[in-house]
């Protein structure tokens, strides 16, 4: 059923919520808002345009980052008051560099008490870090240490991996728990930089580790 623009039910601020999904995987990438003007621009240009509620202005997704979203289809819900936009993304959707804005897990442990924090999941942290490092390699912002490493090349990255490995060994040998945590974190960060530099994905590393776990290690 075809829906005309005049049939849509915008809220009192003239906005309508928009769920953006990857057209291939159907993964939810982000939740944003459009007004009539940004929706028209989206339909005309076949790239996503939104209304920024914090800045009170139109914004073209990827205008500065290059992470644009080519629109494949626009779907309207049964009440005509929400949209799903199916896109082919060119780069991550989240400003953190993660593929999707929805990458934090609230878990099924019940409500978190006020002031309490959920212990971070290492896999989630590494995934988010990988996305940030990947964006640094793509955009090479000035003043970034990660940019410096990529600019110096493979030899410098390998040198840092070696240094952090040695420092982790020394901290563990000294039975210094806090230092071991710090040095291990430095080592993991530089390994992520190496993975991105070499084009290795976390999925490849994960598949190798999972394969080993099934061999009675």
C-alpha atoms as a PDB file:
ATOM      1  CA  UNK A   1       0.000   0.000   0.000  1.00  0.00           C
ATOM      2  CA  UNK A   2       1.383   3.356  -1.056  1.00  0.00           C
ATOM      3  CA  UNK A   3       1.385   6.131   1.569  1.00  0.00           C
ATOM      4  CA  UNK A   4       1.538   9.825   0.633  1.00  0.00           C
ATOM      5  CA  UNK A   5       3.540  12.367   2.640  1.00  0.00           C
ATOM      6  CA  UNK A   6       0.293  14.084   3.702  1.00  0.00           C
ATOM      7  CA  UNK A   7      -0.869  10.807   5.279  1.00  0.00           C
ATOM      8  CA  UNK A   8       2.024  10.652   7.743  1.00  0.00           C
ATOM      9  CA  UNK A   9       1.349  11.587  11.359  1.00  0.00           C
ATOM     10  CA  UNK A  10       4.149  13.874  12.562  1.00  0.00           C
ATOM     11  CA  UNK A  11       4.188  14.745  16.283  1.00  0.00           C
ATOM     12  CA  UNK A  12       3.511  18.193  17.755  1.00  0.00           C
ATOM     13  CA  UNK A  13       7.102  19.197  16.957  1.00  0.00           C
ATOM     14  CA  UNK A  14       6.680  18.153  13.334  1.00  0.00           C
ATOM     15  CA  UNK A  15       8.874  15.055  13.752  1.00  0.00           C
ATOM     16  CA  UNK A  16       8.476  11.355  13.068  1.00  0.00           C
ATOM     17  CA  UNK A  17      10.725   8.598  14.538  1.00  0.00           C
ATOM     18  CA  UNK A  18      12.832   6.652  12.060  1.00  0.00           C
ATOM     19  CA  UNK A  19      14.377   3.209  12.543  1.00  0.00           C
ATOM     20  CA  UNK A  20      17.347   2.771  10.193  1.00  0.00           C
ATOM     21  CA  UNK A  21      18.148  -0.832   9.252  1.00  0.00           C
ATOM     22  CA  UNK A  22      20.803  -2.476   7.109  1.00  0.00           C
ATOM     23  CA  UNK A  23      18.864  -3.612   4.049  1.00  0.00           C
ATOM     24  CA  UNK A  24      20.903  -6.826   3.759  1.00  0.00           C
ATOM     25  CA  UNK A  25      21.252  -8.027   7.350  1.00  0.00           C
ATOM     26  CA  UNK A  26      18.216  -6.180   8.775  1.00  0.00           C
ATOM     27  CA  UNK A  27      20.367  -5.165  11.741  1.00  0.00           C
ATOM     28  CA  UNK A  28      19.081  -1.996  13.393  1.00  0.00           C
ATOM     29  CA  UNK A  29      21.671   0.741  12.865  1.00  0.00           C
ATOM     30  CA  UNK A  30      20.178   3.752  14.611  1.00  0.00           C
ATOM     31  CA  UNK A  31      17.026   5.531  15.762  1.00  0.00           C
ATOM     32  CA  UNK A  32      16.648   9.088  14.516  1.00  0.00           C
ATOM     33  CA  UNK A  33      13.969  11.650  13.654  1.00  0.00           C
ATOM     34  CA  UNK A  34      12.855  13.307  10.436  1.00  0.00           C
ATOM     35  CA  UNK A  35      10.667  16.264   9.685  1.00  0.00           C
ATOM     36  CA  UNK A  36       8.906  16.700   6.365  1.00  0.00           C
ATOM     37  CA  UNK A  37      11.860  18.533   4.803  1.00  0.00           C
ATOM     38  CA  UNK A  38      14.462  15.910   5.766  1.00  0.00           C
ATOM     39  CA  UNK A  39      12.158  13.121   4.579  1.00  0.00           C
ATOM     40  CA  UNK A  40      11.738  14.826   1.208  1.00  0.00           C
ATOM     41  CA  UNK A  41      15.524  15.261   0.920  1.00  0.00           C
ATOM     42  CA  UNK A  42      15.972  11.583   1.806  1.00  0.00           C
ATOM     43  CA  UNK A  43      13.565  10.531  -0.934  1.00  0.00           C
ATOM     44  CA  UNK A  44      15.066  12.928  -3.490  1.00  0.00           C
ATOM     45  CA  UNK A  45      18.759  12.177  -2.860  1.00  0.00           C
ATOM     46  CA  UNK A  46      18.352   8.494  -1.880  1.00  0.00           C
ATOM     47  CA  UNK A  47      20.619   9.183   1.118  1.00  0.00           C
ATOM     48  CA  UNK A  48      19.493   9.646   4.717  1.00  0.00           C
ATOM     49  CA  UNK A  49      18.765  13.122   6.055  1.00  0.00           C
ATOM     50  CA  UNK A  50      17.542  13.669   9.608  1.00  0.00           C
ATOM     51  CA  UNK A  51      16.447  16.432  11.955  1.00  0.00           C
ATOM     52  CA  UNK A  52      18.834  16.991  14.871  1.00  0.00           C
ATOM     53  CA  UNK A  53      16.795  17.685  17.988  1.00  0.00           C
ATOM     54  CA  UNK A  54      19.879  18.838  19.914  1.00  0.00           C
ATOM     55  CA  UNK A  55      21.067  21.305  17.243  1.00  0.00           C
ATOM     56  CA  UNK A  56      17.647  22.109  15.766  1.00  0.00           C
ATOM     57  CA  UNK A  57      18.828  21.694  12.191  1.00  0.00           C
ATOM     58  CA  UNK A  58      18.881  19.279   9.268  1.00  0.00           C
ATOM     59  CA  UNK A  59      21.841  16.926   9.019  1.00  0.00           C
ATOM     60  CA  UNK A  60      22.964  14.714   6.191  1.00  0.00           C
ATOM     61  CA  UNK A  61      24.285  11.415   7.534  1.00  0.00           C
ATOM     62  CA  UNK A  62      27.957  11.084   6.552  1.00  0.00           C
ATOM     63  CA  UNK A  63      28.362  14.685   5.420  1.00  0.00           C
ATOM     64  CA  UNK A  64      31.563  15.087   7.458  1.00  0.00           C
ATOM     65  CA  UNK A  65      32.548  11.471   8.215  1.00  0.00           C
ATOM     66  CA  UNK A  66      31.834  10.017   4.777  1.00  0.00           C
ATOM     67  CA  UNK A  67      29.729   7.275   6.399  1.00  0.00           C
ATOM     68  CA  UNK A  68      26.702   7.818   4.179  1.00  0.00           C
ATOM     69  CA  UNK A  69      23.659   5.559   3.918  1.00  0.00           C
ATOM     70  CA  UNK A  70      22.172   4.790   0.495  1.00  0.00           C
ATOM     71  CA  UNK A  71      18.422   4.410   0.832  1.00  0.00           C
ATOM     72  CA  UNK A  72      16.996   1.157  -0.513  1.00  0.00           C
ATOM     73  CA  UNK A  73      13.413   1.500   0.724  1.00  0.00           C
ATOM     74  CA  UNK A  74      11.229   3.472   3.132  1.00  0.00           C
ATOM     75  CA  UNK A  75       8.480   1.679   5.044  1.00  0.00           C
ATOM     76  CA  UNK A  76       5.624   3.191   7.060  1.00  0.00           C
ATOM     77  CA  UNK A  77       4.092   1.507  10.112  1.00  0.00           C
ATOM     78  CA  UNK A  78       0.400   0.678  10.431  1.00  0.00           C
ATOM     79  CA  UNK A  79      -0.391   3.908  12.316  1.00  0.00           C
ATOM     80  CA  UNK A  80       1.503   6.130   9.848  1.00  0.00           C
ATOM     81  CA  UNK A  81       3.489   7.618  12.747  1.00  0.00           C
ATOM     82  CA  UNK A  82       6.864   5.838  12.408  1.00  0.00           C
ATOM     83  CA  UNK A  83       9.219   4.925   9.564  1.00  0.00           C
ATOM     84  CA  UNK A  84      11.742   2.206   8.833  1.00  0.00           C
ATOM     85  CA  UNK A  85      14.434   3.195   6.349  1.00  0.00           C
ATOM     86  CA  UNK A  86      16.345   0.314   4.764  1.00  0.00           C
ATOM     87  CA  UNK A  87      19.836   1.364   3.723  1.00  0.00           C
ATOM     88  CA  UNK A  88      23.102   0.157   2.273  1.00  0.00           C
ATOM     89  CA  UNK A  89      25.589   1.686   4.752  1.00  0.00           C
ATOM     90  CA  UNK A  90      28.962   3.019   3.665  1.00  0.00           C
ATOM     91  CA  UNK A  91      30.830   2.803   6.958  1.00  0.00           C
ATOM     92  CA  UNK A  92      29.664   2.621  10.583  1.00  0.00           C
ATOM     93  CA  UNK A  93      26.395   4.194  11.690  1.00  0.00           C
ATOM     94  CA  UNK A  94      27.524   5.200  15.187  1.00  0.00           C
ATOM     95  CA  UNK A  95      29.684   8.230  15.981  1.00  0.00           C
ATOM     96  CA  UNK A  96      31.832   5.912  18.143  1.00  0.00           C
ATOM     97  CA  UNK A  97      32.836   3.962  15.038  1.00  0.00           C
ATOM     98  CA  UNK A  98      30.629   0.981  15.894  1.00  0.00           C
ATOM     99  CA  UNK A  99      28.570  -0.471  13.032  1.00  0.00           C
ATOM    100  CA  UNK A 100      25.347   0.170  14.949  1.00  0.00           C
ATOM    101  CA  UNK A 101      24.366   2.664  17.628  1.00  0.00           C
ATOM    102  CA  UNK A 102      22.850  -0.276  19.491  1.00  0.00           C
ATOM    103  CA  UNK A 103      25.967  -2.016  20.803  1.00  0.00           C
ATOM    104  CA  UNK A 104      25.474  -1.814  24.592  1.00  0.00           C
ATOM    105  CA  UNK A 105      23.766  -4.729  26.331  1.00  0.00           C
ATOM    106  CA  UNK A 106      21.565  -4.020  29.354  1.00  0.00           C
ATOM    107  CA  UNK A 107      21.425  -7.739  30.106  1.00  0.00           C
ATOM    108  CA  UNK A 108      18.712  -9.826  31.742  1.00  0.00           C
ATOM    109  CA  UNK A 109      19.882  -9.421  35.323  1.00  0.00           C
ATOM    110  CA  UNK A 110      17.001  -7.195  36.347  1.00  0.00           C
ATOM    111  CA  UNK A 111      17.030  -3.474  36.925  1.00  0.00           C
ATOM    112  CA  UNK A 112      20.395  -1.962  37.772  1.00  0.00           C
ATOM    113  CA  UNK A 113      20.281  -0.236  41.121  1.00  0.00           C
ATOM    114  CA  UNK A 114      20.870   3.487  41.149  1.00  0.00           C
ATOM    115  CA  UNK A 115      24.592   4.183  41.295  1.00  0.00           C
ATOM    116  CA  UNK A 116      25.536   0.623  40.389  1.00  0.00           C
ATOM    117  CA  UNK A 117      27.438  -0.163  37.196  1.00  0.00           C
ATOM    118  CA  UNK A 118      27.373  -3.337  35.128  1.00  0.00           C
ATOM    119  CA  UNK A 119      30.799  -4.888  34.770  1.00  0.00           C
ATOM    120  CA  UNK A 120      31.944  -4.240  31.190  1.00  0.00           C
ATOM    121  CA  UNK A 121      31.973  -7.213  28.842  1.00  0.00           C
ATOM    122  CA  UNK A 122      35.448  -7.559  27.314  1.00  0.00           C
ATOM    123  CA  UNK A 123      34.083  -8.691  23.957  1.00  0.00           C
ATOM    124  CA  UNK A 124      31.838  -5.632  23.708  1.00  0.00           C
ATOM    125  CA  UNK A 125      34.700  -3.318  24.684  1.00  0.00           C
ATOM    126  CA  UNK A 126      37.052  -4.827  22.107  1.00  0.00           C
ATOM    127  CA  UNK A 127      34.369  -4.571  19.417  1.00  0.00           C
ATOM    128  CA  UNK A 128      33.793  -0.908  20.221  1.00  0.00           C
ATOM    129  CA  UNK A 129      37.541  -0.226  20.363  1.00  0.00           C
ATOM    130  CA  UNK A 130      38.020  -1.932  16.987  1.00  0.00           C
ATOM    131  CA  UNK A 131      35.374   0.358  15.488  1.00  0.00           C
ATOM    132  CA  UNK A 132      37.060   3.471  16.904  1.00  0.00           C
ATOM    133  CA  UNK A 133      40.510   2.401  15.663  1.00  0.00           C
ATOM    134  CA  UNK A 134      39.043   1.579  12.252  1.00  0.00           C
ATOM    135  CA  UNK A 135      37.530   5.076  12.048  1.00  0.00           C
ATOM    136  CA  UNK A 136      40.870   6.640  13.016  1.00  0.00           C
ATOM    137  CA  UNK A 137      42.582   4.761  10.182  1.00  0.00           C
ATOM    138  CA  UNK A 138      39.910   5.913   7.762  1.00  0.00           C
ATOM    139  CA  UNK A 139      39.765   9.564   8.839  1.00  0.00           C
ATOM    140  CA  UNK A 140      43.328  10.065  10.223  1.00  0.00           C
ATOM    141  CA  UNK A 141      42.389  12.988  12.553  1.00  0.00           C
ATOM    142  CA  UNK A 142      45.220  15.286  13.644  1.00  0.00           C
ATOM    143  CA  UNK A 143      46.498  14.899  17.192  1.00  0.00           C
ATOM    144  CA  UNK A 144      45.389  11.273  17.565  1.00  0.00           C
ATOM    145  CA  UNK A 145      47.925   8.743  18.875  1.00  0.00           C
ATOM    146  CA  UNK A 146      46.250   6.089  16.743  1.00  0.00           C
ATOM    147  CA  UNK A 147      46.720   8.308  13.683  1.00  0.00           C
ATOM    148  CA  UNK A 148      50.405   8.603  14.609  1.00  0.00           C
ATOM    149  CA  UNK A 149      50.783   4.817  14.717  1.00  0.00           C
ATOM    150  CA  UNK A 150      49.143   4.321  11.330  1.00  0.00           C
ATOM    151  CA  UNK A 151      51.212   7.166   9.884  1.00  0.00           C
ATOM    152  CA  UNK A 152      54.436   5.553  11.152  1.00  0.00           C
ATOM    153  CA  UNK A 153      53.503   2.217   9.648  1.00  0.00           C
ATOM    154  CA  UNK A 154      53.831  -1.479  10.464  1.00  0.00           C
ATOM    155  CA  UNK A 155      57.315  -1.371  12.017  1.00  0.00           C
ATOM    156  CA  UNK A 156      56.279   1.158  14.675  1.00  0.00           C
ATOM    157  CA  UNK A 157      53.070  -0.744  15.434  1.00  0.00           C
ATOM    158  CA  UNK A 158      55.017  -4.012  15.839  1.00  0.00           C
ATOM    159  CA  UNK A 159      57.558  -2.250  18.036  1.00  0.00           C
ATOM    160  CA  UNK A 160      54.782  -1.076  20.368  1.00  0.00           C
ATOM    161  CA  UNK A 161      53.218  -4.562  20.469  1.00  0.00           C
ATOM    162  CA  UNK A 162      56.624  -5.939  21.494  1.00  0.00           C
ATOM    163  CA  UNK A 163      57.146  -3.270  24.142  1.00  0.00           C
ATOM    164  CA  UNK A 164      53.700  -3.746  25.672  1.00  0.00           C
ATOM    165  CA  UNK A 165      54.163  -7.545  25.658  1.00  0.00           C
ATOM    166  CA  UNK A 166      57.413  -7.188  27.606  1.00  0.00           C
ATOM    167  CA  UNK A 167      55.863  -4.728  30.069  1.00  0.00           C
ATOM    168  CA  UNK A 168      52.926  -7.098  30.644  1.00  0.00           C
ATOM    169  CA  UNK A 169      55.361  -9.929  31.384  1.00  0.00           C
ATOM    170  CA  UNK A 170      57.315  -7.760  33.833  1.00  0.00           C
ATOM    171  CA  UNK A 171      54.161  -6.619  35.648  1.00  0.00           C
ATOM    172  CA  UNK A 172      52.926 -10.214  35.975  1.00  0.00           C
ATOM    173  CA  UNK A 173      56.367 -11.418  37.121  1.00  0.00           C
ATOM    174  CA  UNK A 174      56.317  -8.748  39.841  1.00  0.00           C
ATOM    175  CA  UNK A 175      52.830  -9.931  40.833  1.00  0.00           C
ATOM    176  CA  UNK A 176      51.588  -6.357  40.499  1.00  0.00           C
ATOM    177  CA  UNK A 177      47.884  -6.812  39.775  1.00  0.00           C
ATOM    178  CA  UNK A 178      47.089  -3.174  38.891  1.00  0.00           C
ATOM    179  CA  UNK A 179      50.124  -2.863  36.629  1.00  0.00           C
ATOM    180  CA  UNK A 180      49.248  -6.152  34.917  1.00  0.00           C
ATOM    181  CA  UNK A 181      45.743  -4.836  34.175  1.00  0.00           C
ATOM    182  CA  UNK A 182      47.145  -1.578  32.775  1.00  0.00           C
ATOM    183  CA  UNK A 183      49.863  -3.194  30.677  1.00  0.00           C
ATOM    184  CA  UNK A 184      47.497  -5.888  29.386  1.00  0.00           C
ATOM    185  CA  UNK A 185      45.070  -3.150  28.321  1.00  0.00           C
ATOM    186  CA  UNK A 186      47.886  -1.345  26.486  1.00  0.00           C
ATOM    187  CA  UNK A 187      48.823  -4.608  24.784  1.00  0.00           C
ATOM    188  CA  UNK A 188      45.248  -5.311  23.686  1.00  0.00           C
ATOM    189  CA  UNK A 189      44.900  -1.777  22.296  1.00  0.00           C
ATOM    190  CA  UNK A 190      48.079  -2.105  20.226  1.00  0.00           C
ATOM    191  CA  UNK A 191      47.006  -5.561  19.038  1.00  0.00           C
ATOM    192  CA  UNK A 192      43.722  -4.026  17.833  1.00  0.00           C
ATOM    193  CA  UNK A 193      45.733  -1.379  15.942  1.00  0.00           C
ATOM    194  CA  UNK A 194      47.770  -4.198  14.380  1.00  0.00           C
ATOM    195  CA  UNK A 195      44.607  -6.118  13.425  1.00  0.00           C
ATOM    196  CA  UNK A 196      43.123  -3.045  11.717  1.00  0.00           C
ATOM    197  CA  UNK A 197      46.419  -2.263   9.974  1.00  0.00           C
ATOM    198  CA  UNK A 198      46.586  -5.840   8.645  1.00  0.00           C
ATOM    199  CA  UNK A 199      42.884  -5.999   7.769  1.00  0.00           C
ATOM    200  CA  UNK A 200      42.174  -8.744  10.319  1.00  0.00           C
ATOM    201  CA  UNK A 201      38.683  -8.801  11.834  1.00  0.00           C
ATOM    202  CA  UNK A 202      37.742  -9.733  15.386  1.00  0.00           C
ATOM    203  CA  UNK A 203      35.497 -12.383  13.844  1.00  0.00           C
ATOM    204  CA  UNK A 204      38.551 -14.127  12.356  1.00  0.00           C
ATOM    205  CA  UNK A 205      40.334 -14.105  15.711  1.00  0.00           C
ATOM    206  CA  UNK A 206      37.164 -15.275  17.458  1.00  0.00           C
ATOM    207  CA  UNK A 207      36.672 -18.125  14.998  1.00  0.00           C
ATOM    208  CA  UNK A 208      40.248 -19.311  15.567  1.00  0.00           C
ATOM    209  CA  UNK A 209      39.834 -19.206  19.359  1.00  0.00           C
ATOM    210  CA  UNK A 210      36.489 -20.989  19.213  1.00  0.00           C
ATOM    211  CA  UNK A 211      37.995 -23.683  16.998  1.00  0.00           C
ATOM    212  CA  UNK A 212      40.732 -24.226  19.548  1.00  0.00           C
ATOM    213  CA  UNK A 213      38.258 -24.399  22.414  1.00  0.00           C
ATOM    214  CA  UNK A 214      36.656 -27.448  20.781  1.00  0.00           C
ATOM    215  CA  UNK A 215      39.972 -29.329  20.698  1.00  0.00           C
ATOM    216  CA  UNK A 216      40.096 -30.116  24.431  1.00  0.00           C
ATOM    217  CA  UNK A 217      42.480 -27.310  25.251  1.00  0.00           C
END
